[in-house]
PDB file of N, CA and C in Angstrom:
ATOM      1  N   MET A   1       0.855  -0.993  -0.232  1.00  0.00           N
ATOM      2  CA  MET A   1       0.157   0.136  -0.320  1.00  0.00           C
ATOM      3  C   MET A   1       1.149   1.329   0.172  1.00  0.00           C
ATOM      4  N   ASP A   2       0.579   2.443  -0.884  1.00  0.00           N
ATOM      5  CA  ASP A   2       1.493   2.802  -1.451  1.00  0.00           C
ATOM      6  C   ASP A   2       0.650   4.532  -0.904  1.00  0.00           C
ATOM      7  N   LEU A   3       1.348   5.327  -0.200  1.00  0.00           N
ATOM      8  CA  LEU A   3      -0.130   5.776   0.681  1.00  0.00           C
ATOM      9  C   LEU A   3      -0.017   7.979  -0.221  1.00  0.00           C
ATOM     10  N   LYS A   4       1.072   7.710  -0.937  1.00  0.00           N
ATOM     11  CA  LYS A   4       0.735   8.868  -1.825  1.00  0.00           C
ATOM     12  C   LYS A   4      -0.100   8.281  -3.064  1.00  0.00           C
ATOM     13  N   ASN A   5      -0.744   7.423  -2.905  1.00  0.00           N
ATOM     14  CA  ASN A   5      -2.161   7.435  -3.654  1.00  0.00           C
ATOM     15  C   ASN A   5      -3.399   6.879  -3.240  1.00  0.00           C
ATOM     16  N   ILE A   6      -3.556   7.362  -2.320  1.00  0.00           N
ATOM     17  CA  ILE A   6      -4.533   7.391  -1.620  1.00  0.00           C
ATOM     18  C   ILE A   6      -4.967   8.457  -0.462  1.00  0.00           C
ATOM     19  N   PRO A   7      -6.398   8.326  -1.280  1.00  0.00           N
ATOM     20  CA  PRO A   7      -6.804  10.116  -0.638  1.00  0.00           C
ATOM     21  C   PRO A   7      -7.393  10.096   0.795  1.00  0.00           C
ATOM     22  N   ALA A   8      -7.545  11.322   1.676  1.00  0.00           N
ATOM     23  CA  ALA A   8      -6.790  12.236   2.499  1.00  0.00           C
ATOM     24  C   ALA A   8      -7.912  11.102   3.720  1.00  0.00           C
ATOM     25  N   GLU A   9      -9.298  11.119   2.697  1.00  0.00           N
ATOM     26  CA  GLU A   9     -10.294  10.206   4.101  1.00  0.00           C
ATOM     27  C   GLU A   9      -9.900   8.876   4.087  1.00  0.00           C
ATOM     28  N   GLU A  10      -9.738   8.178   3.063  1.00  0.00           N
ATOM     29  CA  GLU A  10      -8.903   6.759   3.641  1.00  0.00           C
ATOM     30  C   GLU A  10      -7.942   6.765   4.011  1.00  0.00           C
ATOM     31  N   SER A  11      -6.695   7.710   3.864  1.00  0.00           N
ATOM     32  CA  SER A  11      -5.764   7.355   5.120  1.00  0.00           C
ATOM     33  C   SER A  11      -6.355   7.493   6.237  1.00  0.00           C
ATOM     34  N   PHE A  12      -7.364   8.320   6.676  1.00  0.00           N
ATOM     35  CA  PHE A  12      -7.902   8.433   7.530  1.00  0.00           C
ATOM     36  C   PHE A  12      -8.358   6.936   8.533  1.00  0.00           C
ATOM     37  N   GLU A  13      -9.875   7.185   7.693  1.00  0.00           N
ATOM     38  CA  GLU A  13     -10.163   5.691   8.025  1.00  0.00           C
ATOM     39  C   GLU A  13      -8.234   4.568   8.661  1.00  0.00           C
ATOM     40  N   ILE A  14      -8.148   4.928   8.009  1.00  0.00           N
ATOM     41  CA  ILE A  14      -6.642   3.263   7.925  1.00  0.00           C
ATOM     42  C   ILE A  14      -5.816   3.850   9.467  1.00  0.00           C
ATOM     43  N   PHE A  15      -5.851   4.837   9.439  1.00  0.00           N
ATOM     44  CA  PHE A  15      -4.763   5.606  10.391  1.00  0.00           C
ATOM     45  C   PHE A  15      -6.117   4.920  12.134  1.00  0.00           C
ATOM     46  N   ARG A  16      -7.838   5.931  11.365  1.00  0.00           N
ATOM     47  CA  ARG A  16      -8.565   5.481  12.900  1.00  0.00           C
ATOM     48  C   ARG A  16      -8.872   3.761  13.276  1.00  0.00           C
ATOM     49  N   ARG A  17      -8.962   3.398  12.268  1.00  0.00           N
ATOM     50  CA  ARG A  17      -8.793   1.366  12.051  1.00  0.00           C
ATOM     51  C   ARG A  17      -7.435   1.580  12.849  1.00  0.00           C
ATOM     52  N   ALA A  18      -6.551   1.623  12.970  1.00  0.00           N
ATOM     53  CA  ALA A  18      -5.146   1.200  13.599  1.00  0.00           C
ATOM     54  C   ALA A  18      -4.556   1.649  14.942  1.00  0.00           C
ATOM     55  N   PHE A  19      -5.086   2.326  15.203  1.00  0.00           N
ATOM     56  CA  PHE A  19      -4.599   3.435  15.967  1.00  0.00           C
ATOM     57  C   PHE A  19      -5.566   4.534  17.244  1.00  0.00           C
ATOM     58  N   LYS A  20      -6.941   3.487  17.041  1.00  0.00           N
ATOM     59  CA  LYS A  20      -7.965   3.555  18.124  1.00  0.00           C
ATOM     60  C   LYS A  20      -8.118   3.568  19.565  1.00  0.00           C
ATOM     61  N   TYR A  21      -6.880   3.300  19.570  1.00  0.00           N
ATOM     62  CA  TYR A  21      -7.012   3.375  21.143  1.00  0.00           C
ATOM     63  C   TYR A  21      -5.703   4.741  21.448  1.00  0.00           C
ATOM     64  N   SER A  22      -4.929   4.473  20.573  1.00  0.00           N
ATOM     65  CA  SER A  22      -4.212   5.621  20.717  1.00  0.00           C
ATOM     66  C   SER A  22      -4.429   7.291  20.603  1.00  0.00           C
ATOM     67  N   ARG A  23      -3.470   8.390  20.730  1.00  0.00           N
ATOM     68  CA  ARG A  23      -3.911   9.727  20.192  1.00  0.00           C
ATOM     69  C   ARG A  23      -3.402   9.651  18.948  1.00  0.00           C
ATOM     70  N   GLY A  24      -4.427  10.294  18.329  1.00  0.00           N
ATOM     71  CA  GLY A  24      -4.539  10.933  16.351  1.00  0.00           C
ATOM     72  C   GLY A  24      -3.117  11.990  16.864  1.00  0.00           C
ATOM     73  N   ILE A  25      -3.267  13.049  15.801  1.00  0.00           N
ATOM     74  CA  ILE A  25      -2.912  14.060  15.004  1.00  0.00           C
ATOM     75  C   ILE A  25      -3.450  14.993  15.031  1.00  0.00           C
ATOM     76  N   ILE A  26      -3.095  16.180  15.561  1.00  0.00           N
ATOM     77  CA  ILE A  26      -4.130  17.415  15.416  1.00  0.00           C
ATOM     78  C   ILE A  26      -3.194  19.034  15.804  1.00  0.00           C
ATOM     79  N   LYS A  27      -3.698  19.984  15.038  1.00  0.00           N
ATOM     80  CA  LYS A  27      -3.634  21.018  15.050  1.00  0.00           C
ATOM     81  C   LYS A  27      -3.684  21.788  16.266  1.00  0.00           C
ATOM     82  N   PRO A  28      -2.553  22.124  16.912  1.00  0.00           N
ATOM     83  CA  PRO A  28      -2.594  23.039  18.038  1.00  0.00           C
ATOM     84  C   PRO A  28      -3.676  23.498  18.107  1.00  0.00           C
ATOM     85  N   GLU A  29      -4.027  24.772  16.985  1.00  0.00           N
ATOM     86  CA  GLU A  29      -4.625  25.743  17.120  1.00  0.00           C
ATOM     87  C   GLU A  29      -6.303  24.540  17.346  1.00  0.00           C
ATOM     88  N   VAL A  30      -6.635  23.297  16.184  1.00  0.00           N
ATOM     89  CA  VAL A  30      -8.064  22.497  16.906  1.00  0.00           C
ATOM     90  C   VAL A  30      -8.336  22.240  18.151  1.00  0.00           C
ATOM     91  N   LYS A  31      -6.885  22.054  18.627  1.00  0.00           N
ATOM     92  CA  LYS A  31      -7.216  21.783  20.169  1.00  0.00           C
ATOM     93  C   LYS A  31      -7.561  22.352  21.206  1.00  0.00           C
ATOM     94  N   LEU A  32      -7.533  23.988  21.104  1.00  0.00           N
ATOM     95  CA  LEU A  32      -7.162  24.779  21.930  1.00  0.00           C
ATOM     96  C   LEU A  32      -9.354  25.686  21.612  1.00  0.00           C
ATOM     97  N   GLU A  33      -9.190  25.309  20.139  1.00  0.00           N
ATOM     98  CA  GLU A  33     -10.421  25.263  19.851  1.00  0.00           C
ATOM     99  C   GLU A  33     -11.789  24.450  20.678  1.00  0.00           C
ATOM    100  N   ARG A  34     -11.233  23.225  20.384  1.00  0.00           N
ATOM    101  CA  ARG A  34     -11.945  22.042  20.707  1.00  0.00           C
ATOM    102  C   ARG A  34     -12.102  22.388  22.774  1.00  0.00           C
ATOM    103  N   LEU A  35     -10.907  23.187  23.326  1.00  0.00           N
ATOM    104  CA  LEU A  35     -11.293  22.862  24.648  1.00  0.00           C
ATOM    105  C   LEU A  35     -11.889  24.623  24.833  1.00  0.00           C
ATOM    106  N   GLU A  36     -11.719  25.046  23.894  1.00  0.00           N
ATOM    107  CA  GLU A  36     -12.814  26.418  24.861  1.00  0.00           C
ATOM    108  C   GLU A  36     -14.204  25.520  24.573  1.00  0.00           C
ATOM    109  N   ILE A  37     -13.959  25.391  23.593  1.00  0.00           N
ATOM    110  CA  ILE A  37     -15.707  24.758  23.823  1.00  0.00           C
ATOM    111  C   ILE A  37     -15.809  24.068  24.262  1.00  0.00           C
ATOM    112  N   CYS A  38     -15.350  23.175  25.782  1.00  0.00           N
ATOM    113  CA  CYS A  38     -15.284  22.050  26.356  1.00  0.00           C
ATOM    114  C   CYS A  38     -15.712  23.060  27.690  1.00  0.00           C
ATOM    115  N   ASN A  39     -14.196  24.346  27.738  1.00  0.00           N
ATOM    116  CA  ASN A  39     -14.903  24.782  28.868  1.00  0.00           C
ATOM    117  C   ASN A  39     -15.912  25.758  29.290  1.00  0.00           C
ATOM    118  N   SER A  40     -16.495  25.556  28.044  1.00  0.00           N
ATOM    119  CA  SER A  40     -17.818  26.788  28.141  1.00  0.00           C
ATOM    120  C   SER A  40     -18.753  25.813  27.848  1.00  0.00           C
ATOM    121  N   CYS A  41     -18.800  23.831  28.235  1.00  0.00           N
ATOM    122  CA  CYS A  41     -20.082  23.490  28.509  1.00  0.00           C
ATOM    123  C   CYS A  41     -20.739  23.295  29.408  1.00  0.00           C
ATOM    124  N   GLU A  42     -21.399  23.648  29.750  1.00  0.00           N
ATOM    125  CA  GLU A  42     -22.868  22.617  31.263  1.00  0.00           C
ATOM    126  C   GLU A  42     -21.998  21.539  31.191  1.00  0.00           C
ATOM    127  N   HIS A  43     -21.998  21.037  30.304  1.00  0.00           N
ATOM    128  CA  HIS A  43     -20.870  19.653  30.942  1.00  0.00           C
ATOM    129  C   HIS A  43     -20.075  19.541  31.126  1.00  0.00           C
ATOM    130  N   CYS A  44     -18.780  20.487  31.589  1.00  0.00           N
ATOM    131  CA  CYS A  44     -17.674  20.512  31.643  1.00  0.00           C
ATOM    132  C   CYS A  44     -17.360  20.478  33.377  1.00  0.00           C
ATOM    133  N   ASN A  45     -17.018  19.468  33.572  1.00  0.00           N
ATOM    134  CA  ASN A  45     -16.425  19.488  35.471  1.00  0.00           C
ATOM    135  C   ASN A  45     -15.257  19.770  35.189  1.00  0.00           C
ATOM    136  N   THR A  46     -14.664  21.294  35.172  1.00  0.00           N
ATOM    137  CA  THR A  46     -13.608  22.088  34.903  1.00  0.00           C
ATOM    138  C   THR A  46     -12.710  21.764  36.558  1.00  0.00           C
ATOM    139  N   GLU A  47     -13.439  21.319  37.765  1.00  0.00           N
ATOM    140  CA  GLU A  47     -12.156  21.027  39.207  1.00  0.00           C
ATOM    141  C   GLU A  47     -10.920  19.569  38.124  1.00  0.00           C
ATOM    142  N   HIS A  48     -12.138  19.161  37.101  1.00  0.00           N
ATOM    143  CA  HIS A  48     -10.782  17.702  37.024  1.00  0.00           C
ATOM    144  C   HIS A  48     -11.053  17.341  35.439  1.00  0.00           C
ATOM    145  N   ALA A  49     -10.955  19.141  34.979  1.00  0.00           N
ATOM    146  CA  ALA A  49     -11.129  18.971  33.124  1.00  0.00           C
ATOM    147  C   ALA A  49     -10.774  17.570  32.725  1.00  0.00           C
ATOM    148  N   GLU A  50     -12.322  17.528  32.743  1.00  0.00           N
ATOM    149  CA  GLU A  50     -13.656  16.094  32.270  1.00  0.00           C
ATOM    150  C   GLU A  50     -15.005  16.176  31.566  1.00  0.00           C
ATOM    151  N   CYS A  51     -15.807  15.826  31.172  1.00  0.00           N
ATOM    152  CA  CYS A  51     -16.193  15.595  30.071  1.00  0.00           C
ATOM    153  C   CYS A  51     -17.545  14.906  31.561  1.00  0.00           C
ATOM    154  N   LYS A  52     -18.284  15.437  31.832  1.00  0.00           N
ATOM    155  CA  LYS A  52     -19.396  14.837  33.095  1.00  0.00           C
ATOM    156  C   LYS A  52     -20.214  14.321  32.201  1.00  0.00           C
ATOM    157  N   LEU A  53     -20.035  13.506  30.515  1.00  0.00           N
ATOM    158  CA  LEU A  53     -20.923  13.261  30.466  1.00  0.00           C
ATOM    159  C   LEU A  53     -20.272  11.246  29.260  1.00  0.00           C
ATOM    160  N   CYS A  54     -18.921  11.592  28.823  1.00  0.00           N
ATOM    161  CA  CYS A  54     -18.429  10.607  28.806  1.00  0.00           C
ATOM    162  C   CYS A  54     -17.130  10.068  29.768  1.00  0.00           C
ATOM    163  N   GLY A  55     -16.688  10.667  30.527  1.00  0.00           N
ATOM    164  CA  GLY A  55     -15.930  10.748  31.145  1.00  0.00           C
ATOM    165  C   GLY A  55     -14.485  10.933  31.020  1.00  0.00           C
ATOM    166  N   CYS A  56     -14.561  11.125  29.675  1.00  0.00           N
ATOM    167  CA  CYS A  56     -12.987  11.535  29.477  1.00  0.00           C
ATOM    168  C   CYS A  56     -12.627  12.999  29.612  1.00  0.00           C
ATOM    169  N   GLY A  57     -10.527  12.919  30.270  1.00  0.00           N
ATOM    170  CA  GLY A  57     -10.388  14.308  30.019  1.00  0.00           C
ATOM    171  C   GLY A  57     -10.178  14.787  29.520  1.00  0.00           C
ATOM    172  N   LEU A  58      -9.875  16.338  29.665  1.00  0.00           N
ATOM    173  CA  LEU A  58     -10.207  16.862  28.374  1.00  0.00           C
ATOM    174  C   LEU A  58      -8.539  17.307  26.965  1.00  0.00           C
ATOM    175  N   LEU A  59      -7.923  17.474  28.813  1.00  0.00           N
ATOM    176  CA  LEU A  59      -7.021  17.526  27.704  1.00  0.00           C
ATOM    177  C   LEU A  59      -6.035  15.748  26.606  1.00  0.00           C
ATOM    178  N   SER A  60      -7.023  15.304  26.740  1.00  0.00           N
ATOM    179  CA  SER A  60      -6.257  14.346  26.094  1.00  0.00           C
ATOM    180  C   SER A  60      -7.144  14.146  24.190  1.00  0.00           C
ATOM    181  N   LYS A  61      -8.665  14.223  25.008  1.00  0.00           N
ATOM    182  CA  LYS A  61      -9.820  13.969  24.496  1.00  0.00           C
ATOM    183  C   LYS A  61      -9.574  14.649  22.824  1.00  0.00           C
ATOM    184  N   THR A  62      -9.295  16.295  23.669  1.00  0.00           N
ATOM    185  CA  THR A  62      -9.202  17.375  22.684  1.00  0.00           C
ATOM    186  C   THR A  62      -7.834  17.367  21.851  1.00  0.00           C
ATOM    187  N   ASN A  63      -6.835  16.774  21.963  1.00  0.00           N
ATOM    188  CA  ASN A  63      -5.437  16.279  21.331  1.00  0.00           C
ATOM    189  C   ASN A  63      -5.817  15.225  20.397  1.00  0.00           C
ATOM    190  N   SER A  64      -6.970  14.378  20.212  1.00  0.00           N
ATOM    191  CA  SER A  64      -6.883  13.218  19.883  1.00  0.00           C
ATOM    192  C   SER A  64      -7.903  14.150  18.240  1.00  0.00           C
ATOM    193  N   SER A  65      -7.249  13.449  16.746  1.00  0.00           N
ATOM    194  CA  SER A  65      -8.020  13.550  15.532  1.00  0.00           C
ATOM    195  C   SER A  65      -9.056  12.652  15.677  1.00  0.00           C
ATOM    196  N   LEU A  66      -8.908  11.391  16.735  1.00  0.00           N
ATOM    197  CA  LEU A  66     -10.139  10.849  16.155  1.00  0.00           C
ATOM    198  C   LEU A  66     -11.019  10.347  17.520  1.00  0.00           C
ATOM    199  N   GLU A  67     -11.143  11.803  18.131  1.00  0.00           N
ATOM    200  CA  GLU A  67     -11.950  11.852  19.133  1.00  0.00           C
ATOM    201  C   GLU A  67     -13.344  12.939  19.258  1.00  0.00           C
ATOM    202  N   ALA A  68     -14.571  13.312  19.078  1.00  0.00           N
ATOM    203  CA  ALA A  68     -15.528  13.728  19.184  1.00  0.00           C
ATOM    204  C   ALA A  68     -16.259  14.056  20.441  1.00  0.00           C
ATOM    205  N   CYS A  69     -17.119  14.911  20.190  1.00  0.00           N
ATOM    206  CA  CYS A  69     -17.287  16.068  21.442  1.00  0.00           C
ATOM    207  C   CYS A  69     -18.898  14.697  21.544  1.00  0.00           C
ATOM    208  N   PRO A  70     -19.147  13.996  23.174  1.00  0.00           N
ATOM    209  CA  PRO A  70     -20.324  13.048  22.963  1.00  0.00           C
ATOM    210  C   PRO A  70     -22.022  13.763  22.519  1.00  0.00           C
ATOM    211  N   ILE A  71     -21.950  15.709  22.270  1.00  0.00           N
ATOM    212  CA  ILE A  71     -22.761  16.294  22.332  1.00  0.00           C
ATOM    213  C   ILE A  71     -23.399  16.492  20.525  1.00  0.00           C
ATOM    214  N   GLY A  72     -21.978  16.749  19.635  1.00  0.00           N
ATOM    215  CA  GLY A  72     -21.498  17.070  18.744  1.00  0.00           C
ATOM    216  C   GLY A  72     -20.769  18.342  18.557  1.00  0.00           C
ATOM    217  N   LYS A  73     -20.794  19.017  19.695  1.00  0.00           N
ATOM    218  CA  LYS A  73     -20.005  20.314  19.195  1.00  0.00           C
ATOM    219  C   LYS A  73     -18.797  20.492  18.756  1.00  0.00           C
ATOM    220  N   TRP A  74     -17.947  19.470  18.325  1.00  0.00           N
ATOM    221  CA  TRP A  74     -17.172  19.378  18.030  1.00  0.00           C
ATOM    222  C   TRP A  74     -16.234  17.657  17.264  1.00  0.00           C
ATOM    223  N   LYS A  75     -16.567  18.163  16.708  1.00  0.00           N
ATOM    224  CA  LYS A  75     -15.874  16.411  15.384  1.00  0.00           C
ATOM    225  C   LYS A  75     -14.616  16.116  15.235  1.00  0.00           C
ATOM    226  N   GLU A  76     -14.506  14.747  14.890  1.00  0.00           N
ATOM    227  CA  GLU A  76     -13.518  14.507  14.480  1.00  0.00           C
ATOM    228  C   GLU A  76     -12.657  15.377  13.068  1.00  0.00           C
ATOM    229  N   SER A  77     -11.133  15.518  13.207  1.00  0.00           N
ATOM    230  CA  SER A  77     -10.152  16.764  12.670  1.00  0.00           C
ATOM    231  C   SER A  77      -9.822  15.640  11.513  1.00  0.00           C
ATOM    232  N   MET A  78     -10.011  15.978  10.223  1.00  0.00           N
ATOM    233  CA  MET A  78      -8.721  15.559   9.137  1.00  0.00           C
ATOM    234  C   MET A  78      -8.060  16.717   8.751  1.00  0.00           C
ATOM    235  N   ASP A  79      -8.056  17.310   9.418  1.00  0.00           N
ATOM    236  CA  ASP A  79      -7.381  19.067   8.511  1.00  0.00           C
ATOM    237  C   ASP A  79      -5.738  18.469   8.150  1.00  0.00           C
ATOM    238  N   LEU A  80      -5.283  17.907   9.647  1.00  0.00           N
ATOM    239  CA  LEU A  80      -3.916  17.699   8.563  1.00  0.00           C
ATOM    240  C   LEU A  80      -3.874  16.443   7.346  1.00  0.00           C
ATOM    241  N   TRP A  81      -4.937  15.273   7.581  1.00  0.00           N
ATOM    242  CA  TRP A  81      -5.077  14.527   6.719  1.00  0.00           C
ATOM    243  C   TRP A  81      -4.861  14.798   5.274  1.00  0.00           C
ATOM    244  N   LYS A  82      -5.291  16.111   5.189  1.00  0.00           N
ATOM    245  CA  LYS A  82      -6.069  16.586   4.669  1.00  0.00           C
ATOM    246  C   LYS A  82      -4.867  17.193   3.806  1.00  0.00           C
ATOM    247  N   GLU A  83      -4.047  17.850   4.607  1.00  0.00           N
ATOM    248  CA  GLU A  83      -2.260  18.678   4.313  1.00  0.00           C
ATOM    249  C   GLU A  83      -1.871  17.782   3.725  1.00  0.00           C
ATOM    250  N   TRP A  84      -1.366  16.454   4.075  1.00  0.00           N
ATOM    251  CA  TRP A  84      -0.809  15.360   3.840  1.00  0.00           C
ATOM    252  C   TRP A  84      -0.744  13.950   2.712  1.00  0.00           C
ATOM    253  N   ALA A  85      -2.290  14.545   2.515  1.00  0.00           N
ATOM    254  CA  ALA A  85      -2.785  14.205   1.247  1.00  0.00           C
ATOM    255  C   ALA A  85      -2.133  14.955  -0.162  1.00  0.00           C
ATOM    256  N   GLU A  86      -1.982  16.249  -0.213  1.00  0.00           N
ATOM    257  CA  GLU A  86      -1.449  17.222  -0.480  1.00  0.00           C
ATOM    258  C   GLU A  86      -0.333  16.983  -0.828  1.00  0.00           C
ATOM    259  N   GLU A  87       0.259  17.507   0.505  1.00  0.00           N
ATOM    260  CA  GLU A  87       2.006  17.519   0.482  1.00  0.00           C
ATOM    261  C   GLU A  87       2.813  17.048   0.806  1.00  0.00           C
ATOM    262  N   GLY A  88       1.751  15.667   1.219  1.00  0.00           N
ATOM    263  CA  GLY A  88       3.097  14.103   1.374  1.00  0.00           C
ATOM    264  C   GLY A  88       3.142  14.018   2.913  1.00  0.00           C
ATOM    265  N   TYR A  89       2.749  12.670   3.148  1.00  0.00           N
ATOM    266  CA  TYR A  89       2.706  12.012   4.402  1.00  0.00           C
ATOM    267  C   TYR A  89       4.283  12.169   4.685  1.00  0.00           C
ATOM    268  N   PRO A  90       4.476  12.543   6.870  1.00  0.00           N
ATOM    269  CA  PRO A  90       5.198  12.692   6.921  1.00  0.00           C
ATOM    270  C   PRO A  90       5.965  10.979   7.147  1.00  0.00           C
ATOM    271  N   GLU A  91       7.449  11.773   7.606  1.00  0.00           N
ATOM    272  CA  GLU A  91       7.998   9.711   7.000  1.00  0.00           C
ATOM    273  C   GLU A  91       7.495   8.748   8.429  1.00  0.00           C
ATOM    274  N   GLU A  92       6.941   9.361   9.512  1.00  0.00           N
ATOM    275  CA  GLU A  92       6.462   8.890  11.284  1.00  0.00           C
ATOM    276  C   GLU A  92       5.105   7.548  10.341  1.00  0.00           C
ATOM    277  N   PHE A  93       5.048   7.935   9.014  1.00  0.00           N
ATOM    278  CA  PHE A  93       3.286   7.488   9.301  1.00  0.00           C
ATOM    279  C   PHE A  93       4.028   6.126   7.729  1.00  0.00           C
ATOM    280  N   ALA A  94       5.676   5.934   7.969  1.00  0.00           N
ATOM    281  CA  ALA A  94       5.437   4.585   7.310  1.00  0.00           C
ATOM    282  C   ALA A  94       5.046   3.892   7.256  1.00  0.00           C
ATOM    283  N   VAL A  95       5.003   3.235   8.498  1.00  0.00           N
ATOM    284  CA  VAL A  95       4.507   2.204   9.606  1.00  0.00           C
ATOM    285  C   VAL A  95       2.892   1.842   9.252  1.00  0.00           C
ATOM    286  N   LEU A  96       2.516   2.505   7.945  1.00  0.00           N
ATOM    287  CA  LEU A  96       0.708   2.272   7.625  1.00  0.00           C
ATOM    288  C   LEU A  96       1.217   1.267   6.106  1.00  0.00           C
ATOM    289  N   ASN A  97       2.914   1.486   5.536  1.00  0.00           N
ATOM    290  CA  ASN A  97       3.307   0.587   4.596  1.00  0.00           C
ATOM    291  C   ASN A  97       3.283  -0.687   4.772  1.00  0.00           C
ATOM    292  N   THR A  98       3.366  -0.998   6.080  1.00  0.00           N
ATOM    293  CA  THR A  98       3.410  -2.017   6.719  1.00  0.00           C
ATOM    294  C   THR A  98       2.397  -2.960   6.554  1.00  0.00           C
ATOM    295  N   LYS A  99       2.252  -4.133   6.352  1.00  0.00           N
ATOM    296  CA  LYS A  99       1.562  -5.490   6.144  1.00  0.00           C
ATOM    297  C   LYS A  99       0.276  -5.158   7.604  1.00  0.00           C
ATOM    298  N   CYS A 100       0.943  -4.242   8.920  1.00  0.00           N
ATOM    299  CA  CYS A 100      -0.412  -4.320   9.772  1.00  0.00           C
ATOM    300  C   CYS A 100      -2.092  -3.771   9.089  1.00  0.00           C
ATOM    301  N   CYS A 101      -1.473  -3.027   8.537  1.00  0.00           N
ATOM    302  CA  CYS A 101      -2.355  -1.999   7.582  1.00  0.00           C
ATOM    303  C   CYS A 101      -3.400  -2.682   6.308  1.00  0.00           C
ATOM    304  N   GLU A 102      -3.099  -4.040   6.219  1.00  0.00           N
ATOM    305  CA  GLU A 102      -3.401  -4.794   5.274  1.00  0.00           C
ATOM    306  C   GLU A 102      -5.002  -4.473   4.769  1.00  0.00           C
ATOM    307  N   GLY A 103      -5.540  -5.089   4.228  1.00  0.00           N
ATOM    308  CA  GLY A 103      -6.813  -5.096   4.240  1.00  0.00           C
ATOM    309  C   GLY A 103      -7.338  -4.273   4.844  1.00  0.00           C
ATOM    310  N   LEU A 104      -7.493  -2.852   5.514  1.00  0.00           N
ATOM    311  CA  LEU A 104      -7.821  -2.351   6.398  1.00  0.00           C
ATOM    312  C   LEU A 104      -9.113  -1.323   5.040  1.00  0.00           C
ATOM    313  N   LEU A 105      -9.027  -1.122   3.894  1.00  0.00           N
ATOM    314  CA  LEU A 105      -9.490  -0.551   2.847  1.00  0.00           C
ATOM    315  C   LEU A 105     -10.722  -1.398   2.449  1.00  0.00           C
TER     316      LEU A 105
END
């Protein structure tokens, strides 16, 4: 599988499936925007920096491209994936060219 020939949406899906329980990649400004939304939400436990609905810690949840707000105030982020699809994927993602991801598309 050659990532250079895979559209952003498909490579994002590969990443999601392969790394669902680890952090995704997100732009710092997206994380800050998400944190602002969470901090102003009625379901935010500001004392413990967590969501009262899903129980997730906001610092880690807002830092993952694979996460979304449980009530839809913000969604998964494909921003970097779209940029990389146009400009080229970082060498660190060579792991996606290995057999561990075969058959995910």
